PDB file of all heavy atoms in Angstrom:
ATOM      1  N   PHE A   1      56.910 201.370 154.502  1.00  0.00           N
ATOM      2  CA  PHE A   1      57.238 201.495 155.949  1.00  0.00           C
ATOM      3  C   PHE A   1      58.147 200.318 156.333  1.00  0.00           C
ATOM      4  O   PHE A   1      57.865 199.182 155.990  1.00  0.00           O
ATOM      5  CB  PHE A   1      55.945 201.441 156.728  1.00  0.00           C
ATOM      6  CG  PHE A   1      56.209 201.562 158.250  1.00  0.00           C
ATOM      7  CD1 PHE A   1      56.789 202.708 158.795  1.00  0.00           C
ATOM      8  CD2 PHE A   1      55.835 200.564 159.057  1.00  0.00           C
ATOM      9  CE1 PHE A   1      57.003 202.790 160.143  1.00  0.00           C
ATOM     10  CE2 PHE A   1      56.037 200.641 160.462  1.00  0.00           C
ATOM     11  CZ  PHE A   1      56.642 201.760 160.973  1.00  0.00           C
ATOM     12  N   LEU A   2      59.208 200.672 156.988  1.00  0.00           N
ATOM     13  CA  LEU A   2      60.161 199.660 157.526  1.00  0.00           C
ATOM     14  C   LEU A   2      60.108 199.714 159.028  1.00  0.00           C
ATOM     15  O   LEU A   2      60.733 200.597 159.676  1.00  0.00           O
ATOM     16  CB  LEU A   2      61.583 199.991 157.047  1.00  0.00           C
ATOM     17  CG  LEU A   2      61.956 199.684 155.599  1.00  0.00           C
ATOM     18  CD1 LEU A   2      61.309 200.669 154.652  1.00  0.00           C
ATOM     19  CD2 LEU A   2      63.455 199.681 155.404  1.00  0.00           C
ATOM     20  N   PRO A   3      59.316 198.844 159.662  1.00  0.00           N
ATOM     21  CA  PRO A   3      59.171 198.867 161.099  1.00  0.00           C
ATOM     22  C   PRO A   3      60.448 198.385 161.759  1.00  0.00           C
ATOM     23  O   PRO A   3      61.140 197.475 161.266  1.00  0.00           O
ATOM     24  CB  PRO A   3      58.055 197.889 161.384  1.00  0.00           C
ATOM     25  CG  PRO A   3      57.955 197.023 160.221  1.00  0.00           C
ATOM     26  CD  PRO A   3      58.496 197.826 159.022  1.00  0.00           C
ATOM     27  N   PHE A   4      60.820 198.990 162.880  1.00  0.00           N
ATOM     28  CA  PHE A   4      62.032 198.620 163.597  1.00  0.00           C
ATOM     29  C   PHE A   4      61.986 197.176 164.055  1.00  0.00           C
ATOM     30  O   PHE A   4      63.043 196.520 164.190  1.00  0.00           O
ATOM     31  CB  PHE A   4      62.310 199.533 164.768  1.00  0.00           C
ATOM     32  CG  PHE A   4      62.717 200.962 164.339  1.00  0.00           C
ATOM     33  CD1 PHE A   4      62.210 202.010 165.114  1.00  0.00           C
ATOM     34  CD2 PHE A   4      63.440 201.193 163.265  1.00  0.00           C
ATOM     35  CE1 PHE A   4      62.533 203.318 164.702  1.00  0.00           C
ATOM     36  CE2 PHE A   4      63.824 202.509 162.873  1.00  0.00           C
ATOM     37  CZ  PHE A   4      63.366 203.549 163.651  1.00  0.00           C
ATOM     38  N   LYS A   5      60.798 196.635 164.280  1.00  0.00           N
ATOM     39  CA  LYS A   5      60.746 195.213 164.718  1.00  0.00           C
ATOM     40  C   LYS A   5      61.243 194.275 163.586  1.00  0.00           C
ATOM     41  O   LYS A   5      61.765 193.214 163.887  1.00  0.00           O
ATOM     42  CB  LYS A   5      59.289 194.841 165.162  1.00  0.00           C
ATOM     43  CG  LYS A   5      58.305 194.769 164.014  1.00  0.00           C
ATOM     44  CD  LYS A   5      56.943 194.330 164.564  1.00  0.00           C
ATOM     45  CE  LYS A   5      55.906 194.238 163.484  1.00  0.00           C
ATOM     46  NZ  LYS A   5      56.181 193.221 162.483  1.00  0.00           N
ATOM     47  N   ASP A   6      61.075 194.694 162.324  1.00  0.00           N
ATOM     48  CA  ASP A   6      61.589 193.912 161.234  1.00  0.00           C
ATOM     49  C   ASP A   6      62.921 194.334 160.700  1.00  0.00           C
ATOM     50  O   ASP A   6      63.709 193.605 160.108  1.00  0.00           O
ATOM     51  CB  ASP A   6      60.559 193.942 160.072  1.00  0.00           C
ATOM     52  CG  ASP A   6      59.266 193.298 160.401  1.00  0.00           C
ATOM     53  OD1 ASP A   6      59.273 192.260 161.136  1.00  0.00           O
ATOM     54  OD2 ASP A   6      58.216 193.785 159.978  1.00  0.00           O
ATOM     55  N   PHE A   7      63.279 195.591 160.964  1.00  0.00           N
ATOM     56  CA  PHE A   7      64.564 196.189 160.516  1.00  0.00           C
ATOM     57  C   PHE A   7      65.234 196.865 161.666  1.00  0.00           C
ATOM     58  O   PHE A   7      65.376 198.101 161.683  1.00  0.00           O
ATOM     59  CB  PHE A   7      64.296 197.154 159.345  1.00  0.00           C
ATOM     60  CG  PHE A   7      63.546 196.501 158.196  1.00  0.00           C
ATOM     61  CD1 PHE A   7      62.167 196.588 158.094  1.00  0.00           C
ATOM     62  CD2 PHE A   7      64.246 195.806 157.229  1.00  0.00           C
ATOM     63  CE1 PHE A   7      61.479 195.966 157.042  1.00  0.00           C
ATOM     64  CE2 PHE A   7      63.595 195.197 156.170  1.00  0.00           C
ATOM     65  CZ  PHE A   7      62.174 195.256 156.086  1.00  0.00           C
ATOM     66  N   PRO A   8      65.708 196.118 162.662  1.00  0.00           N
ATOM     67  CA  PRO A   8      66.171 196.673 163.890  1.00  0.00           C
ATOM     68  C   PRO A   8      67.515 197.454 163.803  1.00  0.00           C
ATOM     69  O   PRO A   8      67.830 198.242 164.628  1.00  0.00           O
ATOM     70  CB  PRO A   8      66.400 195.501 164.840  1.00  0.00           C
ATOM     71  CG  PRO A   8      66.607 194.348 163.879  1.00  0.00           C
ATOM     72  CD  PRO A   8      65.743 194.634 162.669  1.00  0.00           C
ATOM     73  N   TRP A   9      68.243 197.285 162.692  1.00  0.00           N
ATOM     74  CA  TRP A   9      69.522 197.950 162.517  1.00  0.00           C
ATOM     75  C   TRP A   9      69.368 199.505 162.473  1.00  0.00           C
ATOM     76  O   TRP A   9      70.301 200.205 162.744  1.00  0.00           O
ATOM     77  CB  TRP A   9      70.217 197.521 161.240  1.00  0.00           C
ATOM     78  CG  TRP A   9      70.065 196.034 161.016  1.00  0.00           C
ATOM     79  CD1 TRP A   9      70.775 195.065 161.676  1.00  0.00           C
ATOM     80  CD2 TRP A   9      69.168 195.371 160.125  1.00  0.00           C
ATOM     81  NE1 TRP A   9      70.336 193.834 161.198  1.00  0.00           N
ATOM     82  CE2 TRP A   9      69.373 193.983 160.261  1.00  0.00           C
ATOM     83  CE3 TRP A   9      68.200 195.837 159.265  1.00  0.00           C
ATOM     84  CZ2 TRP A   9      68.639 193.076 159.531  1.00  0.00           C
ATOM     85  CZ3 TRP A   9      67.506 194.893 158.532  1.00  0.00           C
ATOM     86  CH2 TRP A   9      67.751 193.530 158.668  1.00  0.00           C
ATOM     87  N   PHE A  10      68.187 199.933 162.117  1.00  0.00           N
ATOM     88  CA  PHE A  10      67.960 201.399 161.977  1.00  0.00           C
ATOM     89  C   PHE A  10      67.575 202.027 163.301  1.00  0.00           C
ATOM     90  O   PHE A  10      67.661 203.243 163.451  1.00  0.00           O
ATOM     91  CB  PHE A  10      66.855 201.642 160.970  1.00  0.00           C
ATOM     92  CG  PHE A  10      67.191 201.267 159.595  1.00  0.00           C
ATOM     93  CD1 PHE A  10      66.569 200.148 159.002  1.00  0.00           C
ATOM     94  CD2 PHE A  10      68.101 201.924 158.775  1.00  0.00           C
ATOM     95  CE1 PHE A  10      66.896 199.711 157.688  1.00  0.00           C
ATOM     96  CE2 PHE A  10      68.431 201.518 157.533  1.00  0.00           C
ATOM     97  CZ  PHE A  10      67.819 200.421 156.996  1.00  0.00           C
ATOM     98  N   ARG A  11      67.140 201.291 164.286  1.00  0.00           N
ATOM     99  CA  ARG A  11      66.549 201.809 165.530  1.00  0.00           C
ATOM    100  C   ARG A  11      67.478 202.758 166.258  1.00  0.00           C
ATOM    101  O   ARG A  11      67.082 203.870 166.651  1.00  0.00           O
ATOM    102  CB  ARG A  11      66.118 200.705 166.435  1.00  0.00           C
ATOM    103  CG  ARG A  11      65.511 201.190 167.752  1.00  0.00           C
ATOM    104  CD  ARG A  11      65.139 200.058 168.605  1.00  0.00           C
ATOM    105  NE  ARG A  11      64.324 199.157 167.779  1.00  0.00           N
ATOM    106  CZ  ARG A  11      63.234 198.572 168.187  1.00  0.00           C
ATOM    107  NH1 ARG A  11      62.800 198.720 169.373  1.00  0.00           N
ATOM    108  NH2 ARG A  11      62.573 197.821 167.363  1.00  0.00           N
ATOM    109  N   GLU A  12      68.726 202.413 166.462  1.00  0.00           N
ATOM    110  CA  GLU A  12      69.657 203.244 167.212  1.00  0.00           C
ATOM    111  C   GLU A  12      70.590 204.038 166.314  1.00  0.00           C
ATOM    112  O   GLU A  12      71.499 204.702 166.867  1.00  0.00           O
ATOM    113  CB  GLU A  12      70.468 202.354 168.169  1.00  0.00           C
ATOM    114  CG  GLU A  12      69.620 201.597 169.182  1.00  0.00           C
ATOM    115  CD  GLU A  12      68.831 202.496 170.140  1.00  0.00           C
ATOM    116  OE1 GLU A  12      69.381 203.561 170.509  1.00  0.00           O
ATOM    117  OE2 GLU A  12      67.716 202.157 170.494  1.00  0.00           O
ATOM    118  N   ALA A  13      70.408 203.994 165.056  1.00  0.00           N
ATOM    119  CA  ALA A  13      71.310 204.689 164.109  1.00  0.00           C
ATOM    120  C   ALA A  13      71.063 206.191 164.150  1.00  0.00           C
ATOM    121  O   ALA A  13      69.917 206.682 164.303  1.00  0.00           O
ATOM    122  CB  ALA A  13      71.094 204.163 162.672  1.00  0.00           C
ATOM    123  N   ALA A  14      72.127 206.961 163.944  1.00  0.00           N
ATOM    124  CA  ALA A  14      71.961 208.441 163.830  1.00  0.00           C
ATOM    125  C   ALA A  14      71.146 208.780 162.638  1.00  0.00           C
ATOM    126  O   ALA A  14      71.218 208.139 161.598  1.00  0.00           O
ATOM    127  CB  ALA A  14      73.379 209.038 163.705  1.00  0.00           C
ATOM    128  N   ILE A  15      70.309 209.812 162.768  1.00  0.00           N
ATOM    129  CA  ILE A  15      69.384 210.188 161.749  1.00  0.00           C
ATOM    130  C   ILE A  15      70.104 210.490 160.386  1.00  0.00           C
ATOM    131  O   ILE A  15      69.612 210.118 159.318  1.00  0.00           O
ATOM    132  CB  ILE A  15      68.469 211.364 162.179  1.00  0.00           C
ATOM    133  CG1 ILE A  15      67.355 211.592 161.154  1.00  0.00           C
ATOM    134  CG2 ILE A  15      69.284 212.636 162.328  1.00  0.00           C
ATOM    135  CD1 ILE A  15      66.293 210.525 161.214  1.00  0.00           C
ATOM    136  N   GLY A  16      71.259 211.151 160.464  1.00  0.00           N
ATOM    137  CA  GLY A  16      71.992 211.396 159.256  1.00  0.00           C
ATOM    138  C   GLY A  16      72.395 210.194 158.470  1.00  0.00           C
ATOM    139  O   GLY A  16      72.444 210.108 157.242  1.00  0.00           O
ATOM    140  N   LYS A  17      72.762 209.107 159.222  1.00  0.00           N
ATOM    141  CA  LYS A  17      73.091 207.848 158.607  1.00  0.00           C
ATOM    142  C   LYS A  17      71.918 207.127 158.016  1.00  0.00           C
ATOM    143  O   LYS A  17      72.003 206.473 156.987  1.00  0.00           O
ATOM    144  CB  LYS A  17      73.803 206.949 159.629  1.00  0.00           C
ATOM    145  CG  LYS A  17      75.142 207.513 160.024  1.00  0.00           C
ATOM    146  CD  LYS A  17      75.813 206.607 161.014  1.00  0.00           C
ATOM    147  CE  LYS A  17      77.183 207.175 161.387  1.00  0.00           C
ATOM    148  NZ  LYS A  17      77.958 206.312 162.298  1.00  0.00           N
ATOM    149  N   VAL A  18      70.764 207.270 158.656  1.00  0.00           N
ATOM    150  CA  VAL A  18      69.522 206.651 158.162  1.00  0.00           C
ATOM    151  C   VAL A  18      69.090 207.394 156.869  1.00  0.00           C
ATOM    152  O   VAL A  18      68.654 206.759 155.882  1.00  0.00           O
ATOM    153  CB  VAL A  18      68.415 206.722 159.197  1.00  0.00           C
ATOM    154  CG1 VAL A  18      67.064 206.289 158.602  1.00  0.00           C
ATOM    155  CG2 VAL A  18      68.772 205.850 160.380  1.00  0.00           C
ATOM    156  N   MET A  19      69.274 208.692 156.828  1.00  0.00           N
ATOM    157  CA  MET A  19      68.829 209.464 155.667  1.00  0.00           C
ATOM    158  C   MET A  19      69.702 209.263 154.444  1.00  0.00           C
ATOM    159  O   MET A  19      69.292 209.518 153.325  1.00  0.00           O
ATOM    160  CB  MET A  19      68.806 210.983 156.065  1.00  0.00           C
ATOM    161  CG  MET A  19      67.906 211.317 157.175  1.00  0.00           C
ATOM    162  SD  MET A  19      66.208 210.973 156.888  1.00  0.00           S
ATOM    163  CE  MET A  19      65.742 212.332 155.844  1.00  0.00           C
ATOM    164  N   ASN A  20      70.933 208.811 154.653  1.00  0.00           N
ATOM    165  CA  ASN A  20      71.862 208.602 153.548  1.00  0.00           C
ATOM    166  C   ASN A  20      71.644 207.205 152.917  1.00  0.00           C
ATOM    167  O   ASN A  20      72.244 206.268 153.264  1.00  0.00           O
ATOM    168  CB  ASN A  20      73.319 208.742 154.056  1.00  0.00           C
ATOM    169  CG  ASN A  20      74.332 208.608 152.894  1.00  0.00           C
ATOM    170  OD1 ASN A  20      73.991 208.800 151.741  1.00  0.00           O
ATOM    171  ND2 ASN A  20      75.528 208.290 153.242  1.00  0.00           N
ATOM    172  N   VAL A  21      70.713 207.162 151.970  1.00  0.00           N
ATOM    173  CA  VAL A  21      70.401 205.929 151.281  1.00  0.00           C
ATOM    174  C   VAL A  21      70.616 206.113 149.772  1.00  0.00           C
ATOM    175  O   VAL A  21      70.374 207.187 149.224  1.00  0.00           O
ATOM    176  CB  VAL A  21      68.966 205.500 151.572  1.00  0.00           C
ATOM    177  CG1 VAL A  21      67.927 206.529 151.187  1.00  0.00           C
ATOM    178  CG2 VAL A  21      68.656 204.150 150.963  1.00  0.00           C
ATOM    179  N   GLN A  22      71.038 205.043 149.138  1.00  0.00           N
ATOM    180  CA  GLN A  22      71.303 205.072 147.711  1.00  0.00           C
ATOM    181  C   GLN A  22      70.566 203.969 147.010  1.00  0.00           C
ATOM    182  O   GLN A  22      70.405 202.864 147.569  1.00  0.00           O
ATOM    183  CB  GLN A  22      72.813 204.869 147.427  1.00  0.00           C
ATOM    184  CG  GLN A  22      73.693 205.889 148.087  1.00  0.00           C
ATOM    185  CD  GLN A  22      75.190 205.461 148.023  1.00  0.00           C
ATOM    186  OE1 GLN A  22      75.500 204.443 147.499  1.00  0.00           O
ATOM    187  NE2 GLN A  22      76.004 206.349 148.533  1.00  0.00           N
ATOM    188  N   ALA A  23      70.063 204.262 145.820  1.00  0.00           N
ATOM    189  CA  ALA A  23      69.455 203.185 144.974  1.00  0.00           C
ATOM    190  C   ALA A  23      70.556 202.569 144.099  1.00  0.00           C
ATOM    191  O   ALA A  23      71.087 203.214 143.231  1.00  0.00           O
ATOM    192  CB  ALA A  23      68.363 203.777 144.095  1.00  0.00           C
ATOM    193  N   LEU A  24      70.880 201.312 144.377  1.00  0.00           N
ATOM    194  CA  LEU A  24      71.838 200.591 143.546  1.00  0.00           C
ATOM    195  C   LEU A  24      71.263 200.100 142.257  1.00  0.00           C
ATOM    196  O   LEU A  24      71.921 199.952 141.240  1.00  0.00           O
ATOM    197  CB  LEU A  24      72.500 199.485 144.314  1.00  0.00           C
ATOM    198  CG  LEU A  24      73.248 199.862 145.608  1.00  0.00           C
ATOM    199  CD1 LEU A  24      73.805 198.665 146.300  1.00  0.00           C
ATOM    200  CD2 LEU A  24      74.289 200.894 145.331  1.00  0.00           C
ATOM    201  N   SER A  25      69.978 199.842 142.328  1.00  0.00           N
ATOM    202  CA  SER A  25      69.153 199.483 141.140  1.00  0.00           C
ATOM    203  C   SER A  25      67.713 199.877 141.495  1.00  0.00           C
ATOM    204  O   SER A  25      67.457 200.426 142.581  1.00  0.00           O
ATOM    205  CB  SER A  25      69.260 197.978 140.834  1.00  0.00           C
ATOM    206  OG  SER A  25      68.607 197.205 141.835  1.00  0.00           O
ATOM    207  N   ALA A  26      66.794 199.531 140.638  1.00  0.00           N
ATOM    208  CA  ALA A  26      65.441 199.908 140.831  1.00  0.00           C
ATOM    209  C   ALA A  26      64.808 199.169 142.032  1.00  0.00           C
ATOM    210  O   ALA A  26      63.803 199.666 142.632  1.00  0.00           O
ATOM    211  CB  ALA A  26      64.586 199.596 139.593  1.00  0.00           C
ATOM    212  N   ASP A  27      65.421 198.093 142.501  1.00  0.00           N
ATOM    213  CA  ASP A  27      64.879 197.329 143.623  1.00  0.00           C
ATOM    214  C   ASP A  27      65.919 196.952 144.660  1.00  0.00           C
ATOM    215  O   ASP A  27      65.709 196.033 145.438  1.00  0.00           O
ATOM    216  CB  ASP A  27      64.083 196.133 143.137  1.00  0.00           C
ATOM    217  CG  ASP A  27      64.968 195.123 142.393  1.00  0.00           C
ATOM    218  OD1 ASP A  27      66.173 195.448 142.152  1.00  0.00           O
ATOM    219  OD2 ASP A  27      64.480 194.056 142.095  1.00  0.00           O
ATOM    220  N   HIS A  28      67.064 197.623 144.694  1.00  0.00           N
ATOM    221  CA  HIS A  28      68.122 197.319 145.650  1.00  0.00           C
ATOM    222  C   HIS A  28      68.682 198.623 146.237  1.00  0.00           C
ATOM    223  O   HIS A  28      69.112 199.494 145.427  1.00  0.00           O
ATOM    224  CB  HIS A  28      69.245 196.556 144.954  1.00  0.00           C
ATOM    225  CG  HIS A  28      70.275 196.026 145.867  1.00  0.00           C
ATOM    226  ND1 HIS A  28      71.364 195.361 145.418  1.00  0.00           N
ATOM    227  CD2 HIS A  28      70.409 196.049 147.196  1.00  0.00           C
ATOM    228  CE1 HIS A  28      72.128 194.976 146.439  1.00  0.00           C
ATOM    229  NE2 HIS A  28      71.563 195.403 147.530  1.00  0.00           N
ATOM    230  N   PHE A  29      68.677 198.732 147.562  1.00  0.00           N
ATOM    231  CA  PHE A  29      68.968 199.975 148.259  1.00  0.00           C
ATOM    232  C   PHE A  29      70.064 199.780 149.244  1.00  0.00           C
ATOM    233  O   PHE A  29      70.147 198.706 149.883  1.00  0.00           O
ATOM    234  CB  PHE A  29      67.694 200.532 148.892  1.00  0.00           C
ATOM    235  CG  PHE A  29      66.543 200.504 147.939  1.00  0.00           C
ATOM    236  CD1 PHE A  29      65.608 199.463 148.046  1.00  0.00           C
ATOM    237  CD2 PHE A  29      66.460 201.387 146.894  1.00  0.00           C
ATOM    238  CE1 PHE A  29      64.567 199.396 147.116  1.00  0.00           C
ATOM    239  CE2 PHE A  29      65.444 201.304 145.970  1.00  0.00           C
ATOM    240  CZ  PHE A  29      64.513 200.312 146.080  1.00  0.00           C
ATOM    241  N   TYR A  30      70.926 200.760 149.440  1.00  0.00           N
ATOM    242  CA  TYR A  30      72.139 200.685 150.247  1.00  0.00           C
ATOM    243  C   TYR A  30      72.253 201.912 151.153  1.00  0.00           C
ATOM    244  O   TYR A  30      72.181 203.033 150.665  1.00  0.00           O
ATOM    245  CB  TYR A  30      73.342 200.508 149.360  1.00  0.00           C
ATOM    246  CG  TYR A  30      74.607 200.286 150.153  1.00  0.00           C
ATOM    247  CD1 TYR A  30      74.773 199.258 151.061  1.00  0.00           C
ATOM    248  CD2 TYR A  30      75.675 201.168 149.959  1.00  0.00           C
ATOM    249  CE1 TYR A  30      75.938 199.064 151.700  1.00  0.00           C
ATOM    250  CE2 TYR A  30      76.857 200.979 150.636  1.00  0.00           C
ATOM    251  CZ  TYR A  30      77.005 199.921 151.511  1.00  0.00           C
ATOM    252  OH  TYR A  30      78.175 199.761 152.192  1.00  0.00           O
ATOM    253  N   TRP A  31      72.488 201.660 152.461  1.00  0.00           N
ATOM    254  CA  TRP A  31      72.819 202.719 153.431  1.00  0.00           C
ATOM    255  C   TRP A  31      74.288 202.622 153.717  1.00  0.00           C
ATOM    256  O   TRP A  31      74.700 201.759 154.560  1.00  0.00           O
ATOM    257  CB  TRP A  31      71.957 202.536 154.695  1.00  0.00           C
ATOM    258  CG  TRP A  31      70.528 202.911 154.586  1.00  0.00           C
ATOM    259  CD1 TRP A  31      70.023 204.089 155.017  1.00  0.00           C
ATOM    260  CD2 TRP A  31      69.445 202.180 153.994  1.00  0.00           C
ATOM    261  NE1 TRP A  31      68.673 204.126 154.780  1.00  0.00           N
ATOM    262  CE2 TRP A  31      68.344 202.981 154.168  1.00  0.00           C
ATOM    263  CE3 TRP A  31      69.336 200.901 153.389  1.00  0.00           C
ATOM    264  CZ2 TRP A  31      67.060 202.546 153.711  1.00  0.00           C
ATOM    265  CZ3 TRP A  31      68.108 200.503 152.983  1.00  0.00           C
ATOM    266  CH2 TRP A  31      66.959 201.310 153.130  1.00  0.00           C
ATOM    267  N   PRO A  32      75.146 203.342 152.978  1.00  0.00           N
ATOM    268  CA  PRO A  32      76.601 203.175 153.121  1.00  0.00           C
ATOM    269  C   PRO A  32      77.153 203.434 154.522  1.00  0.00           C
ATOM    270  O   PRO A  32      78.084 202.740 154.968  1.00  0.00           O
ATOM    271  CB  PRO A  32      77.171 204.127 152.085  1.00  0.00           C
ATOM    272  CG  PRO A  32      76.105 205.119 151.835  1.00  0.00           C
ATOM    273  CD  PRO A  32      74.806 204.406 152.045  1.00  0.00           C
ATOM    274  N   ASP A  33      76.590 204.394 155.196  1.00  0.00           N
ATOM    275  CA  ASP A  33      77.093 204.726 156.577  1.00  0.00           C
ATOM    276  C   ASP A  33      76.739 203.624 157.624  1.00  0.00           C
ATOM    277  O   ASP A  33      77.367 203.527 158.636  1.00  0.00           O
ATOM    278  CB  ASP A  33      76.506 206.037 157.064  1.00  0.00           C
ATOM    279  CG  ASP A  33      76.872 207.214 156.177  1.00  0.00           C
ATOM    280  OD1 ASP A  33      77.988 207.168 155.597  1.00  0.00           O
ATOM    281  OD2 ASP A  33      76.093 208.179 156.128  1.00  0.00           O
ATOM    282  N   LEU A  34      75.806 202.779 157.262  1.00  0.00           N
ATOM    283  CA  LEU A  34      75.372 201.706 158.157  1.00  0.00           C
ATOM    284  C   LEU A  34      75.716 200.298 157.618  1.00  0.00           C
ATOM    285  O   LEU A  34      75.520 199.284 158.265  1.00  0.00           O
ATOM    286  CB  LEU A  34      73.843 201.773 158.381  1.00  0.00           C
ATOM    287  CG  LEU A  34      73.350 203.049 159.005  1.00  0.00           C
ATOM    288  CD1 LEU A  34      71.846 203.148 158.970  1.00  0.00           C
ATOM    289  CD2 LEU A  34      73.879 203.196 160.415  1.00  0.00           C
ATOM    290  N   ASP A  35      76.220 200.274 156.375  1.00  0.00           N
ATOM    291  CA  ASP A  35      76.554 199.034 155.687  1.00  0.00           C
ATOM    292  C   ASP A  35      75.301 198.099 155.628  1.00  0.00           C
ATOM    293  O   ASP A  35      75.440 196.906 155.970  1.00  0.00           O
ATOM    294  CB  ASP A  35      77.775 198.373 156.239  1.00  0.00           C
ATOM    295  CG  ASP A  35      78.337 197.261 155.306  1.00  0.00           C
ATOM    296  OD1 ASP A  35      78.147 197.436 154.096  1.00  0.00           O
ATOM    297  OD2 ASP A  35      78.934 196.289 155.815  1.00  0.00           O
ATOM    298  N   ILE A  36      74.223 198.643 155.293  1.00  0.00           N
ATOM    299  CA  ILE A  36      72.929 197.889 155.166  1.00  0.00           C
ATOM    300  C   ILE A  36      72.453 197.938 153.724  1.00  0.00           C
ATOM    301  O   ILE A  36      72.394 199.010 153.145  1.00  0.00           O
ATOM    302  CB  ILE A  36      71.848 198.496 156.094  1.00  0.00           C
ATOM    303  CG1 ILE A  36      72.271 198.357 157.544  1.00  0.00           C
ATOM    304  CG2 ILE A  36      70.500 197.834 155.820  1.00  0.00           C
ATOM    305  CD1 ILE A  36      71.327 199.133 158.477  1.00  0.00           C
ATOM    306  N   ASP A  37      72.197 196.746 153.218  1.00  0.00           N
ATOM    307  CA  ASP A  37      71.575 196.742 151.867  1.00  0.00           C
ATOM    308  C   ASP A  37      70.379 195.886 151.903  1.00  0.00           C
ATOM    309  O   ASP A  37      70.321 194.852 152.532  1.00  0.00           O
ATOM    310  CB  ASP A  37      72.516 196.353 150.748  1.00  0.00           C
ATOM    311  CG  ASP A  37      73.004 194.970 150.860  1.00  0.00           C
ATOM    312  OD1 ASP A  37      73.529 194.551 151.953  1.00  0.00           O
ATOM    313  OD2 ASP A  37      72.924 194.219 149.886  1.00  0.00           O
ATOM    314  N   LEU A  38      69.261 196.377 151.265  1.00  0.00           N
ATOM    315  CA  LEU A  38      67.971 195.685 151.254  1.00  0.00           C
ATOM    316  C   LEU A  38      67.457 195.755 149.838  1.00  0.00           C
ATOM    317  O   LEU A  38      67.659 196.710 149.104  1.00  0.00           O
ATOM    318  CB  LEU A  38      66.977 196.397 152.171  1.00  0.00           C
ATOM    319  CG  LEU A  38      67.311 196.456 153.657  1.00  0.00           C
ATOM    320  CD1 LEU A  38      66.364 197.377 154.365  1.00  0.00           C
ATOM    321  CD2 LEU A  38      67.269 195.079 154.264  1.00  0.00           C
ATOM    322  N   ASP A  39      66.722 194.729 149.476  1.00  0.00           N
ATOM    323  CA  ASP A  39      66.024 194.782 148.203  1.00  0.00           C
ATOM    324  C   ASP A  39      64.543 194.981 148.448  1.00  0.00           C
ATOM    325  O   ASP A  39      64.018 194.785 149.560  1.00  0.00           O
ATOM    326  CB  ASP A  39      66.301 193.537 147.315  1.00  0.00           C
ATOM    327  CG  ASP A  39      65.812 192.240 147.916  1.00  0.00           C
ATOM    328  OD1 ASP A  39      64.915 192.250 148.755  1.00  0.00           O
ATOM    329  OD2 ASP A  39      66.312 191.239 147.531  1.00  0.00           O
ATOM    330  N   LEU A  40      63.811 195.340 147.473  1.00  0.00           N
ATOM    331  CA  LEU A  40      62.394 195.650 147.575  1.00  0.00           C
ATOM    332  C   LEU A  40      61.575 194.456 148.082  1.00  0.00           C
ATOM    333  O   LEU A  40      60.655 194.584 148.832  1.00  0.00           O
ATOM    334  CB  LEU A  40      61.841 196.161 146.238  1.00  0.00           C
ATOM    335  CG  LEU A  40      60.445 196.743 146.280  1.00  0.00           C
ATOM    336  CD1 LEU A  40      60.238 197.824 147.355  1.00  0.00           C
ATOM    337  CD2 LEU A  40      60.032 197.242 144.903  1.00  0.00           C
ATOM    338  N   GLU A  41      61.978 193.264 147.652  1.00  0.00           N
ATOM    339  CA  GLU A  41      61.292 192.061 148.062  1.00  0.00           C
ATOM    340  C   GLU A  41      61.358 191.917 149.617  1.00  0.00           C
ATOM    341  O   GLU A  41      60.348 191.610 150.266  1.00  0.00           O
ATOM    342  CB  GLU A  41      61.883 190.841 147.393  1.00  0.00           C
ATOM    343  CG  GLU A  41      61.176 189.527 147.729  1.00  0.00           C
ATOM    344  CD  GLU A  41      59.812 189.361 147.161  1.00  0.00           C
ATOM    345  OE1 GLU A  41      59.414 190.115 146.235  1.00  0.00           O
ATOM    346  OE2 GLU A  41      59.080 188.470 147.627  1.00  0.00           O
ATOM    347  N   SER A  42      62.492 192.181 150.227  1.00  0.00           N
ATOM    348  CA  SER A  42      62.610 192.055 151.695  1.00  0.00           C
ATOM    349  C   SER A  42      61.891 193.138 152.393  1.00  0.00           C
ATOM    350  O   SER A  42      61.446 192.969 153.533  1.00  0.00           O
ATOM    351  CB  SER A  42      64.093 191.974 152.101  1.00  0.00           C
ATOM    352  OG  SER A  42      64.753 193.198 151.815  1.00  0.00           O
ATOM    353  N   ILE A  43      61.765 194.318 151.765  1.00  0.00           N
ATOM    354  CA  ILE A  43      60.976 195.454 152.358  1.00  0.00           C
ATOM    355  C   ILE A  43      59.478 195.121 152.281  1.00  0.00           C
ATOM    356  O   ILE A  43      58.756 195.335 153.234  1.00  0.00           O
ATOM    357  CB  ILE A  43      61.318 196.739 151.653  1.00  0.00           C
ATOM    358  CG1 ILE A  43      62.770 197.140 151.972  1.00  0.00           C
ATOM    359  CG2 ILE A  43      60.374 197.870 152.128  1.00  0.00           C
ATOM    360  CD1 ILE A  43      63.308 198.247 151.136  1.00  0.00           C
ATOM    361  N   ALA A  44      59.028 194.608 151.165  1.00  0.00           N
ATOM    362  CA  ALA A  44      57.641 194.340 150.948  1.00  0.00           C
ATOM    363  C   ALA A  44      57.180 193.113 151.731  1.00  0.00           C
ATOM    364  O   ALA A  44      56.023 193.043 152.173  1.00  0.00           O
ATOM    365  CB  ALA A  44      57.357 194.112 149.469  1.00  0.00           C
TER     366      ALA A  44
END
């Protein structure tokens, strides 16, 4: 779970942009339409 209070960039984003996520590695994720990248450590 990524709460908006900790990840506010997603709050106002269009649903299609939020759904478009890519795994760059097993623990690094990228939302190209939003130019957001997060690793598993920052999510956990």
